[in-house]
């Protein structure tokens, strides 16, 4: 088994290998990369991250379907859709259990948020003494979903219920990290990458256990924090860069 220094060298090399523009081609992050307007990137990124479970190819196809519904102009659509537009969308399938009704509610919530905020970044701002996005994600969830309980609530994870919030953490990585590799966007300047965590899913979880980075069996928030402790020792300023290493190793089969 590798010691800490050997493990850091190995993960640094793998992060460097996978954190490359070629990564974009087969990953859902390609969807927001089709835009240049900040709000288009945010909306396309958030909606794509929301449906990011299952096969990556099917995620991309479903995200493209959502873009088609929005005329490939997400921000303009969010700010100007009509009741007829939503009636049309409600009848459509989108991605597995995320249906047209969920999508319509998400669009209404986004319109409300953007009527009051220039950027979704405002909803994720950290407060003094916060060292991760545990509270930030819950604050976003409450503001985004509002007071009306709807079936779409299940598509926005709650860290307060011990969820790893993998999809929101991935969205945060996309928006916050800025290492000039051209994969992540780095358009949210008020949030620091030093407080990001790796989006914990089956791939990153399994590889982390094989490398003995974590011992917990569940992919939950407590495990996110366990992984944070190790990765922040490896890179205190940018621990989420190791998502490329762990995820890349998981899907490539390079490390068994």
C-alpha atoms as a PDB file:
ATOM      1  CA  UNK A   1       0.000   0.000   0.000  1.00  0.00           C
ATOM      2  CA  UNK A   2       1.258   3.494  -0.840  1.00  0.00           C
ATOM      3  CA  UNK A   3       2.238   5.847   1.966  1.00  0.00           C
ATOM      4  CA  UNK A   4       0.867   9.400   2.095  1.00  0.00           C
ATOM      5  CA  UNK A   5       3.625  10.967  -0.018  1.00  0.00           C
ATOM      6  CA  UNK A   6       3.413   8.239  -2.666  1.00  0.00           C
ATOM      7  CA  UNK A   7      -0.364   8.536  -2.727  1.00  0.00           C
ATOM      8  CA  UNK A   8      -0.176  12.293  -3.201  1.00  0.00           C
ATOM      9  CA  UNK A   9       2.261  11.933  -6.099  1.00  0.00           C
ATOM     10  CA  UNK A  10       0.041   9.278  -7.694  1.00  0.00           C
ATOM     11  CA  UNK A  11      -3.156  11.343  -7.344  1.00  0.00           C
ATOM     12  CA  UNK A  12      -1.447  14.528  -8.516  1.00  0.00           C
ATOM     13  CA  UNK A  13      -0.312  12.697 -11.658  1.00  0.00           C
ATOM     14  CA  UNK A  14      -3.796  11.270 -12.304  1.00  0.00           C
ATOM     15  CA  UNK A  15      -5.489  14.638 -11.676  1.00  0.00           C
ATOM     16  CA  UNK A  16      -3.084  16.192 -14.160  1.00  0.00           C
ATOM     17  CA  UNK A  17      -3.826  13.442 -16.672  1.00  0.00           C
ATOM     18  CA  UNK A  18      -7.613  13.699 -16.560  1.00  0.00           C
ATOM     19  CA  UNK A  19      -7.979  17.452 -15.943  1.00  0.00           C
ATOM     20  CA  UNK A  20      -7.615  18.209 -19.640  1.00  0.00           C
ATOM     21  CA  UNK A  21      -9.934  19.674 -22.306  1.00  0.00           C
ATOM     22  CA  UNK A  22     -10.289  16.160 -23.767  1.00  0.00           C
ATOM     23  CA  UNK A  23     -12.260  15.308 -20.596  1.00  0.00           C
ATOM     24  CA  UNK A  24     -15.065  17.628 -21.736  1.00  0.00           C
ATOM     25  CA  UNK A  25     -15.928  15.610 -24.843  1.00  0.00           C
ATOM     26  CA  UNK A  26     -17.527  12.663 -23.023  1.00  0.00           C
ATOM     27  CA  UNK A  27     -18.651  14.411 -19.856  1.00  0.00           C
ATOM     28  CA  UNK A  28     -21.891  16.276 -19.026  1.00  0.00           C
ATOM     29  CA  UNK A  29     -19.793  19.406 -18.448  1.00  0.00           C
ATOM     30  CA  UNK A  30     -19.818  19.748 -22.243  1.00  0.00           C
ATOM     31  CA  UNK A  31     -23.384  21.127 -21.982  1.00  0.00           C
ATOM     32  CA  UNK A  32     -22.572  24.402 -20.173  1.00  0.00           C
ATOM     33  CA  UNK A  33     -19.406  24.662 -22.285  1.00  0.00           C
ATOM     34  CA  UNK A  34     -21.646  25.448 -25.252  1.00  0.00           C
ATOM     35  CA  UNK A  35     -22.331  28.908 -23.808  1.00  0.00           C
ATOM     36  CA  UNK A  36     -20.408  32.072 -23.045  1.00  0.00           C
ATOM     37  CA  UNK A  37     -22.966  34.170 -21.117  1.00  0.00           C
ATOM     38  CA  UNK A  38     -22.513  33.669 -17.376  1.00  0.00           C
ATOM     39  CA  UNK A  39     -26.213  33.026 -16.705  1.00  0.00           C
ATOM     40  CA  UNK A  40     -26.470  30.574 -19.619  1.00  0.00           C
ATOM     41  CA  UNK A  41     -23.508  28.641 -18.196  1.00  0.00           C
ATOM     42  CA  UNK A  42     -25.085  28.632 -14.718  1.00  0.00           C
ATOM     43  CA  UNK A  43     -28.518  27.462 -15.847  1.00  0.00           C
ATOM     44  CA  UNK A  44     -27.217  24.854 -18.299  1.00  0.00           C
ATOM     45  CA  UNK A  45     -24.749  23.666 -15.665  1.00  0.00           C
ATOM     46  CA  UNK A  46     -27.271  23.504 -12.848  1.00  0.00           C
ATOM     47  CA  UNK A  47     -29.892  21.640 -14.880  1.00  0.00           C
ATOM     48  CA  UNK A  48     -27.306  19.236 -16.277  1.00  0.00           C
ATOM     49  CA  UNK A  49     -25.851  18.567 -12.838  1.00  0.00           C
ATOM     50  CA  UNK A  50     -29.376  17.985 -11.505  1.00  0.00           C
ATOM     51  CA  UNK A  51     -29.919  15.042 -13.875  1.00  0.00           C
ATOM     52  CA  UNK A  52     -26.375  13.682 -13.544  1.00  0.00           C
ATOM     53  CA  UNK A  53     -26.997  10.162 -12.418  1.00  0.00           C
ATOM     54  CA  UNK A  54     -26.672   7.045 -14.526  1.00  0.00           C
ATOM     55  CA  UNK A  55     -24.913   6.684 -17.856  1.00  0.00           C
ATOM     56  CA  UNK A  56     -23.007   9.802 -18.951  1.00  0.00           C
ATOM     57  CA  UNK A  57     -24.154   9.443 -22.552  1.00  0.00           C
ATOM     58  CA  UNK A  58     -27.822   9.376 -21.523  1.00  0.00           C
ATOM     59  CA  UNK A  59     -27.264  12.354 -19.195  1.00  0.00           C
ATOM     60  CA  UNK A  60     -25.887  14.368 -22.114  1.00  0.00           C
ATOM     61  CA  UNK A  61     -28.794  13.349 -24.357  1.00  0.00           C
ATOM     62  CA  UNK A  62     -31.333  14.356 -21.696  1.00  0.00           C
ATOM     63  CA  UNK A  63     -29.563  17.666 -21.106  1.00  0.00           C
ATOM     64  CA  UNK A  64     -29.663  18.362 -24.845  1.00  0.00           C
ATOM     65  CA  UNK A  65     -33.396  17.696 -24.722  1.00  0.00           C
ATOM     66  CA  UNK A  66     -33.763  20.373 -22.030  1.00  0.00           C
ATOM     67  CA  UNK A  67     -31.713  22.803 -24.123  1.00  0.00           C
ATOM     68  CA  UNK A  68     -34.011  22.137 -27.081  1.00  0.00           C
ATOM     69  CA  UNK A  69     -37.056  22.929 -24.939  1.00  0.00           C
ATOM     70  CA  UNK A  70     -35.369  26.226 -24.023  1.00  0.00           C
ATOM     71  CA  UNK A  71     -34.503  27.127 -27.619  1.00  0.00           C
ATOM     72  CA  UNK A  72     -30.809  26.728 -26.750  1.00  0.00           C
ATOM     73  CA  UNK A  73     -30.974  30.067 -24.912  1.00  0.00           C
ATOM     74  CA  UNK A  74     -31.400  29.059 -21.252  1.00  0.00           C
ATOM     75  CA  UNK A  75     -31.292  32.486 -19.584  1.00  0.00           C
ATOM     76  CA  UNK A  76     -33.530  34.157 -22.145  1.00  0.00           C
ATOM     77  CA  UNK A  77     -36.013  31.301 -21.864  1.00  0.00           C
ATOM     78  CA  UNK A  78     -36.012  31.350 -18.059  1.00  0.00           C
ATOM     79  CA  UNK A  79     -36.744  35.068 -17.986  1.00  0.00           C
ATOM     80  CA  UNK A  80     -39.380  35.062 -20.753  1.00  0.00           C
ATOM     81  CA  UNK A  81     -41.192  31.715 -20.899  1.00  0.00           C
ATOM     82  CA  UNK A  82     -44.977  31.682 -21.121  1.00  0.00           C
ATOM     83  CA  UNK A  83     -47.611  29.539 -19.477  1.00  0.00           C
ATOM     84  CA  UNK A  84     -48.015  27.691 -22.769  1.00  0.00           C
ATOM     85  CA  UNK A  85     -44.288  26.906 -22.786  1.00  0.00           C
ATOM     86  CA  UNK A  86     -44.582  25.301 -19.348  1.00  0.00           C
ATOM     87  CA  UNK A  87     -47.751  23.403 -20.320  1.00  0.00           C
ATOM     88  CA  UNK A  88     -45.822  21.934 -23.260  1.00  0.00           C
ATOM     89  CA  UNK A  89     -42.845  20.993 -21.067  1.00  0.00           C
ATOM     90  CA  UNK A  90     -44.979  19.413 -18.333  1.00  0.00           C
ATOM     91  CA  UNK A  91     -46.150  16.741 -20.785  1.00  0.00           C
ATOM     92  CA  UNK A  92     -42.634  15.734 -21.804  1.00  0.00           C
ATOM     93  CA  UNK A  93     -40.231  13.171 -20.380  1.00  0.00           C
ATOM     94  CA  UNK A  94     -36.803  14.499 -19.476  1.00  0.00           C
ATOM     95  CA  UNK A  95     -34.494  12.113 -17.622  1.00  0.00           C
ATOM     96  CA  UNK A  96     -35.631   9.054 -15.728  1.00  0.00           C
ATOM     97  CA  UNK A  97     -37.487  10.246 -12.590  1.00  0.00           C
ATOM     98  CA  UNK A  98     -36.858  13.931 -13.419  1.00  0.00           C
ATOM     99  CA  UNK A  99     -39.959  14.533 -15.505  1.00  0.00           C
ATOM    100  CA  UNK A 100     -41.525  17.469 -17.340  1.00  0.00           C
ATOM    101  CA  UNK A 101     -43.420  18.558 -14.252  1.00  0.00           C
ATOM    102  CA  UNK A 102     -40.172  18.736 -12.283  1.00  0.00           C
ATOM    103  CA  UNK A 103     -38.491  20.652 -15.095  1.00  0.00           C
ATOM    104  CA  UNK A 104     -41.344  23.179 -15.227  1.00  0.00           C
ATOM    105  CA  UNK A 105     -41.099  23.808 -11.476  1.00  0.00           C
ATOM    106  CA  UNK A 106     -37.315  24.211 -11.735  1.00  0.00           C
ATOM    107  CA  UNK A 107     -37.796  26.798 -14.479  1.00  0.00           C
ATOM    108  CA  UNK A 108     -40.299  28.748 -12.370  1.00  0.00           C
ATOM    109  CA  UNK A 109     -37.904  28.658  -9.413  1.00  0.00           C
ATOM    110  CA  UNK A 110     -35.022  29.835 -11.590  1.00  0.00           C
ATOM    111  CA  UNK A 111     -37.103  32.720 -12.913  1.00  0.00           C
ATOM    112  CA  UNK A 112     -37.921  33.805  -9.362  1.00  0.00           C
ATOM    113  CA  UNK A 113     -34.275  33.570  -8.311  1.00  0.00           C
ATOM    114  CA  UNK A 114     -32.949  35.491 -11.322  1.00  0.00           C
ATOM    115  CA  UNK A 115     -35.553  38.199 -10.872  1.00  0.00           C
ATOM    116  CA  UNK A 116     -33.785  38.983  -7.591  1.00  0.00           C
ATOM    117  CA  UNK A 117     -30.183  37.940  -8.312  1.00  0.00           C
ATOM    118  CA  UNK A 118     -27.773  38.496 -11.154  1.00  0.00           C
ATOM    119  CA  UNK A 119     -26.157  35.117 -10.489  1.00  0.00           C
ATOM    120  CA  UNK A 120     -26.891  31.847  -8.700  1.00  0.00           C
ATOM    121  CA  UNK A 121     -23.582  32.413  -6.932  1.00  0.00           C
ATOM    122  CA  UNK A 122     -25.352  34.739  -4.483  1.00  0.00           C
ATOM    123  CA  UNK A 123     -27.279  31.767  -3.085  1.00  0.00           C
ATOM    124  CA  UNK A 124     -24.129  29.790  -2.253  1.00  0.00           C
ATOM    125  CA  UNK A 125     -22.076  32.444  -0.455  1.00  0.00           C
ATOM    126  CA  UNK A 126     -20.319  31.169   2.650  1.00  0.00           C
ATOM    127  CA  UNK A 127     -20.684  32.769   6.050  1.00  0.00           C
ATOM    128  CA  UNK A 128     -17.900  33.526   8.478  1.00  0.00           C
ATOM    129  CA  UNK A 129     -16.179  30.452   9.950  1.00  0.00           C
ATOM    130  CA  UNK A 130     -17.730  28.040   7.431  1.00  0.00           C
ATOM    131  CA  UNK A 131     -15.094  25.684   6.061  1.00  0.00           C
ATOM    132  CA  UNK A 132     -17.162  23.704   3.555  1.00  0.00           C
ATOM    133  CA  UNK A 133     -20.449  23.970   1.637  1.00  0.00           C
ATOM    134  CA  UNK A 134     -22.553  22.009   4.124  1.00  0.00           C
ATOM    135  CA  UNK A 135     -24.657  24.985   5.236  1.00  0.00           C
ATOM    136  CA  UNK A 136     -24.347  26.795   1.917  1.00  0.00           C
ATOM    137  CA  UNK A 137     -25.975  23.948  -0.010  1.00  0.00           C
ATOM    138  CA  UNK A 138     -28.855  23.782   2.463  1.00  0.00           C
ATOM    139  CA  UNK A 139     -29.392  27.552   2.239  1.00  0.00           C
ATOM    140  CA  UNK A 140     -29.433  27.288  -1.547  1.00  0.00           C
ATOM    141  CA  UNK A 141     -31.891  24.401  -1.385  1.00  0.00           C
ATOM    142  CA  UNK A 142     -34.308  26.339   0.808  1.00  0.00           C
ATOM    143  CA  UNK A 143     -34.132  29.476  -1.318  1.00  0.00           C
ATOM    144  CA  UNK A 144     -34.397  27.651  -4.615  1.00  0.00           C
ATOM    145  CA  UNK A 145     -37.262  25.344  -3.709  1.00  0.00           C
ATOM    146  CA  UNK A 146     -39.255  27.934  -1.787  1.00  0.00           C
ATOM    147  CA  UNK A 147     -42.064  27.152   0.608  1.00  0.00           C
ATOM    148  CA  UNK A 148     -44.337  25.144  -1.668  1.00  0.00           C
ATOM    149  CA  UNK A 149     -43.564  21.468  -1.261  1.00  0.00           C
ATOM    150  CA  UNK A 150     -43.469  19.711  -4.627  1.00  0.00           C
ATOM    151  CA  UNK A 151     -42.245  16.342  -5.838  1.00  0.00           C
ATOM    152  CA  UNK A 152     -39.247  18.125  -7.415  1.00  0.00           C
ATOM    153  CA  UNK A 153     -37.798  18.640  -3.907  1.00  0.00           C
ATOM    154  CA  UNK A 154     -36.262  15.174  -4.114  1.00  0.00           C
ATOM    155  CA  UNK A 155     -34.030  16.351  -6.965  1.00  0.00           C
ATOM    156  CA  UNK A 156     -32.203  18.869  -4.762  1.00  0.00           C
ATOM    157  CA  UNK A 157     -30.225  17.017  -2.110  1.00  0.00           C
ATOM    158  CA  UNK A 158     -30.170  18.057   1.534  1.00  0.00           C
ATOM    159  CA  UNK A 159     -26.838  17.971   3.346  1.00  0.00           C
ATOM    160  CA  UNK A 160     -28.811  18.352   6.575  1.00  0.00           C
ATOM    161  CA  UNK A 161     -30.206  14.876   5.852  1.00  0.00           C
ATOM    162  CA  UNK A 162     -26.615  13.590   5.528  1.00  0.00           C
ATOM    163  CA  UNK A 163     -26.660  13.527   1.717  1.00  0.00           C
ATOM    164  CA  UNK A 164     -23.295  13.788  -0.036  1.00  0.00           C
ATOM    165  CA  UNK A 165     -25.085  16.207  -2.426  1.00  0.00           C
ATOM    166  CA  UNK A 166     -22.930  14.867  -5.249  1.00  0.00           C
ATOM    167  CA  UNK A 167     -24.722  16.735  -8.036  1.00  0.00           C
ATOM    168  CA  UNK A 168     -24.676  20.117  -6.309  1.00  0.00           C
ATOM    169  CA  UNK A 169     -21.055  19.609  -5.310  1.00  0.00           C
ATOM    170  CA  UNK A 170     -20.219  18.844  -8.925  1.00  0.00           C
ATOM    171  CA  UNK A 171     -22.037  21.998 -10.030  1.00  0.00           C
ATOM    172  CA  UNK A 172     -20.033  23.987  -7.478  1.00  0.00           C
ATOM    173  CA  UNK A 173     -16.795  22.471  -8.768  1.00  0.00           C
ATOM    174  CA  UNK A 174     -17.706  23.510 -12.306  1.00  0.00           C
ATOM    175  CA  UNK A 175     -18.534  27.085 -11.313  1.00  0.00           C
ATOM    176  CA  UNK A 176     -15.825  27.744  -8.687  1.00  0.00           C
ATOM    177  CA  UNK A 177     -12.601  25.985  -9.716  1.00  0.00           C
ATOM    178  CA  UNK A 178     -10.344  28.050 -11.969  1.00  0.00           C
ATOM    179  CA  UNK A 179      -7.029  26.411 -12.802  1.00  0.00           C
ATOM    180  CA  UNK A 180      -6.784  27.565 -16.432  1.00  0.00           C
ATOM    181  CA  UNK A 181      -7.157  23.970 -17.656  1.00  0.00           C
ATOM    182  CA  UNK A 182     -10.383  25.008 -19.432  1.00  0.00           C
ATOM    183  CA  UNK A 183     -12.477  22.179 -17.950  1.00  0.00           C
ATOM    184  CA  UNK A 184     -14.039  23.924 -14.942  1.00  0.00           C
ATOM    185  CA  UNK A 185     -15.301  27.464 -15.522  1.00  0.00           C
ATOM    186  CA  UNK A 186     -14.137  29.444 -12.481  1.00  0.00           C
ATOM    187  CA  UNK A 187     -16.779  32.139 -13.077  1.00  0.00           C
ATOM    188  CA  UNK A 188     -17.809  32.410  -9.418  1.00  0.00           C
ATOM    189  CA  UNK A 189     -15.130  34.640  -7.944  1.00  0.00           C
ATOM    190  CA  UNK A 190     -16.708  35.151  -4.499  1.00  0.00           C
ATOM    191  CA  UNK A 191     -16.398  31.475  -3.578  1.00  0.00           C
ATOM    192  CA  UNK A 192     -13.092  29.852  -2.711  1.00  0.00           C
ATOM    193  CA  UNK A 193     -12.055  26.487  -4.170  1.00  0.00           C
ATOM    194  CA  UNK A 194     -10.265  25.683  -0.900  1.00  0.00           C
ATOM    195  CA  UNK A 195     -13.648  24.858   0.663  1.00  0.00           C
ATOM    196  CA  UNK A 196     -14.853  22.572  -2.135  1.00  0.00           C
ATOM    197  CA  UNK A 197     -15.259  18.834  -1.626  1.00  0.00           C
ATOM    198  CA  UNK A 198     -15.038  16.028  -4.155  1.00  0.00           C
ATOM    199  CA  UNK A 199     -18.483  15.081  -5.524  1.00  0.00           C
ATOM    200  CA  UNK A 200     -18.887  11.690  -3.891  1.00  0.00           C
ATOM    201  CA  UNK A 201     -20.487   9.038  -6.086  1.00  0.00           C
ATOM    202  CA  UNK A 202     -20.044   5.327  -6.654  1.00  0.00           C
ATOM    203  CA  UNK A 203     -16.859   5.829  -8.715  1.00  0.00           C
ATOM    204  CA  UNK A 204     -15.059   8.278  -6.431  1.00  0.00           C
ATOM    205  CA  UNK A 205     -16.260   6.412  -3.342  1.00  0.00           C
ATOM    206  CA  UNK A 206     -15.038   3.007  -4.499  1.00  0.00           C
ATOM    207  CA  UNK A 207     -11.643   4.273  -5.619  1.00  0.00           C
ATOM    208  CA  UNK A 208     -11.230   6.268  -2.382  1.00  0.00           C
ATOM    209  CA  UNK A 209     -11.816   3.090  -0.377  1.00  0.00           C
ATOM    210  CA  UNK A 210      -9.408   1.045  -2.490  1.00  0.00           C
ATOM    211  CA  UNK A 211      -6.776   3.719  -1.887  1.00  0.00           C
ATOM    212  CA  UNK A 212      -7.717   3.746   1.829  1.00  0.00           C
ATOM    213  CA  UNK A 213      -8.494   7.461   1.744  1.00  0.00           C
ATOM    214  CA  UNK A 214     -11.770   6.742   3.550  1.00  0.00           C
ATOM    215  CA  UNK A 215     -13.073   3.923   5.723  1.00  0.00           C
ATOM    216  CA  UNK A 216     -16.817   4.656   5.868  1.00  0.00           C
ATOM    217  CA  UNK A 217     -18.941   2.384   3.663  1.00  0.00           C
ATOM    218  CA  UNK A 218     -21.723   4.850   2.867  1.00  0.00           C
ATOM    219  CA  UNK A 219     -21.511   7.607   0.272  1.00  0.00           C
ATOM    220  CA  UNK A 220     -22.941  10.295   2.555  1.00  0.00           C
ATOM    221  CA  UNK A 221     -21.952  13.697   3.940  1.00  0.00           C
ATOM    222  CA  UNK A 222     -19.962  12.229   6.816  1.00  0.00           C
ATOM    223  CA  UNK A 223     -17.850  10.407   4.257  1.00  0.00           C
ATOM    224  CA  UNK A 224     -17.427  13.635   2.262  1.00  0.00           C
ATOM    225  CA  UNK A 225     -15.924  15.212   5.382  1.00  0.00           C
ATOM    226  CA  UNK A 226     -13.720  12.172   6.001  1.00  0.00           C
ATOM    227  CA  UNK A 227     -12.348  12.472   2.472  1.00  0.00           C
ATOM    228  CA  UNK A 228     -11.905  16.238   2.915  1.00  0.00           C
ATOM    229  CA  UNK A 229      -9.500  15.672   5.798  1.00  0.00           C
ATOM    230  CA  UNK A 230      -7.086  13.736   3.598  1.00  0.00           C
ATOM    231  CA  UNK A 231      -7.401  15.687   0.343  1.00  0.00           C
ATOM    232  CA  UNK A 232      -6.979  19.051   2.050  1.00  0.00           C
ATOM    233  CA  UNK A 233      -3.677  17.824   3.451  1.00  0.00           C
ATOM    234  CA  UNK A 234      -2.628  17.016  -0.113  1.00  0.00           C
ATOM    235  CA  UNK A 235      -3.746  20.360  -1.519  1.00  0.00           C
ATOM    236  CA  UNK A 236      -5.222  22.894   0.884  1.00  0.00           C
ATOM    237  CA  UNK A 237      -6.016  25.424  -1.833  1.00  0.00           C
ATOM    238  CA  UNK A 238      -7.658  23.090  -4.351  1.00  0.00           C
ATOM    239  CA  UNK A 239      -8.737  19.759  -2.859  1.00  0.00           C
ATOM    240  CA  UNK A 240     -11.489  19.216  -5.451  1.00  0.00           C
ATOM    241  CA  UNK A 241      -8.914  18.811  -8.214  1.00  0.00           C
ATOM    242  CA  UNK A 242      -8.617  15.225  -7.003  1.00  0.00           C
ATOM    243  CA  UNK A 243     -12.111  14.594  -8.320  1.00  0.00           C
ATOM    244  CA  UNK A 244     -10.474  14.247 -11.730  1.00  0.00           C
ATOM    245  CA  UNK A 245      -8.083  11.624 -10.382  1.00  0.00           C
ATOM    246  CA  UNK A 246     -10.663   9.603  -8.434  1.00  0.00           C
ATOM    247  CA  UNK A 247     -13.428   9.807 -11.032  1.00  0.00           C
ATOM    248  CA  UNK A 248     -11.016   9.200 -13.899  1.00  0.00           C
ATOM    249  CA  UNK A 249      -9.569   6.138 -12.205  1.00  0.00           C
ATOM    250  CA  UNK A 250     -13.073   4.878 -11.499  1.00  0.00           C
ATOM    251  CA  UNK A 251     -14.407   5.083 -15.045  1.00  0.00           C
ATOM    252  CA  UNK A 252     -11.196   4.159 -16.865  1.00  0.00           C
ATOM    253  CA  UNK A 253     -10.456   0.945 -15.004  1.00  0.00           C
ATOM    254  CA  UNK A 254      -6.821   2.055 -14.736  1.00  0.00           C
ATOM    255  CA  UNK A 255      -6.799   1.171 -11.058  1.00  0.00           C
ATOM    256  CA  UNK A 256      -8.365  -2.076  -9.917  1.00  0.00           C
END
